[in-house]
Amino acid sequence: MEEQMKATIDLMDSKKLYVVKDGRLIKHELPEYGETVVIITMGGQVDRIETTIKRKL
């Protein structure tokens, strides 16, 4: 039987993106303006997230 781990996240906070990797919950802060559009995977797991940040003038 696999060990179960649990985490609690705030479902009302829509300014974060969460990734589960190797039993860890990784929080990614979303930019105020920009794009988080590329999720790079290797071996079926998330390797990295690419974010482009823009500033509104």
Protein backbone atom coordinates (compact mmCIF):
# COMPACT_ATOMS: atom_id res chain seq x y z
CA MET A 1 0.00 0.00 0.00
CA GLU A 2 1.29 3.48 -0.90
CA GLU A 3 1.73 6.10 1.77
CA GLN A 4 -0.92 8.82 1.56
CA MET A 5 -0.04 12.45 2.05
CA LYS A 6 -2.55 15.28 2.28
CA ALA A 7 -2.24 19.02 1.80
CA THR A 8 -4.66 21.87 2.27
CA ILE A 9 -4.96 24.65 -0.28
CA ASP A 10 -7.07 27.81 -0.32
CA LEU A 11 -9.63 27.33 -3.11
CA MET A 12 -10.59 31.00 -2.88
CA ASP A 13 -7.07 32.18 -3.85
CA SER A 14 -7.17 32.24 -7.64
CA LYS A 15 -3.73 33.87 -8.01
CA LYS A 16 -1.80 30.62 -7.62
CA LEU A 17 -1.24 27.50 -9.68
CA TYR A 18 -0.36 24.25 -7.89
CA VAL A 19 1.67 21.31 -9.17
CA VAL A 20 2.17 18.00 -7.38
CA LYS A 21 5.62 16.54 -8.01
CA ASP A 22 7.29 13.69 -6.15
CA GLY A 23 4.89 13.98 -3.23
CA ARG A 24 5.39 17.73 -2.86
CA LEU A 25 2.83 20.45 -3.49
CA ILE A 26 4.57 23.25 -5.38
CA LYS A 27 2.92 26.68 -5.39
CA HIS A 28 3.46 28.93 -8.43
CA GLU A 29 2.51 32.60 -7.97
CA LEU A 30 0.70 33.88 -11.04
CA PRO A 31 1.75 37.30 -12.39
CA GLU A 32 -0.60 40.28 -12.10
CA TYR A 33 -0.36 40.67 -15.88
CA GLY A 34 1.23 38.12 -18.16
CA GLU A 35 0.98 34.57 -19.39
CA THR A 36 1.62 31.20 -17.81
CA VAL A 37 1.08 29.12 -20.89
CA VAL A 38 3.88 26.60 -21.18
CA ILE A 39 4.20 23.58 -18.92
CA ILE A 40 7.22 21.46 -19.84
CA THR A 41 7.03 17.76 -18.94
CA MET A 42 9.70 15.07 -18.87
CA GLY A 43 8.88 11.44 -18.25
CA GLY A 44 5.22 12.31 -17.74
CA GLN A 45 5.94 14.71 -14.87
CA VAL A 46 6.04 18.50 -14.78
CA ASP A 47 9.63 19.66 -15.22
CA ARG A 48 9.10 23.41 -15.33
CA ILE A 49 6.57 26.17 -15.92
CA GLU A 50 7.38 29.10 -18.21
CA THR A 51 5.78 32.45 -17.38
CA THR A 52 5.97 35.70 -19.34
CA ILE A 53 5.45 38.74 -17.15
CA LYS A 54 4.09 41.99 -18.55
CA ARG A 55 3.60 45.37 -16.89
CA LYS A 56 0.52 47.43 -17.55
CA LEU A 57 1.35 51.13 -17.96
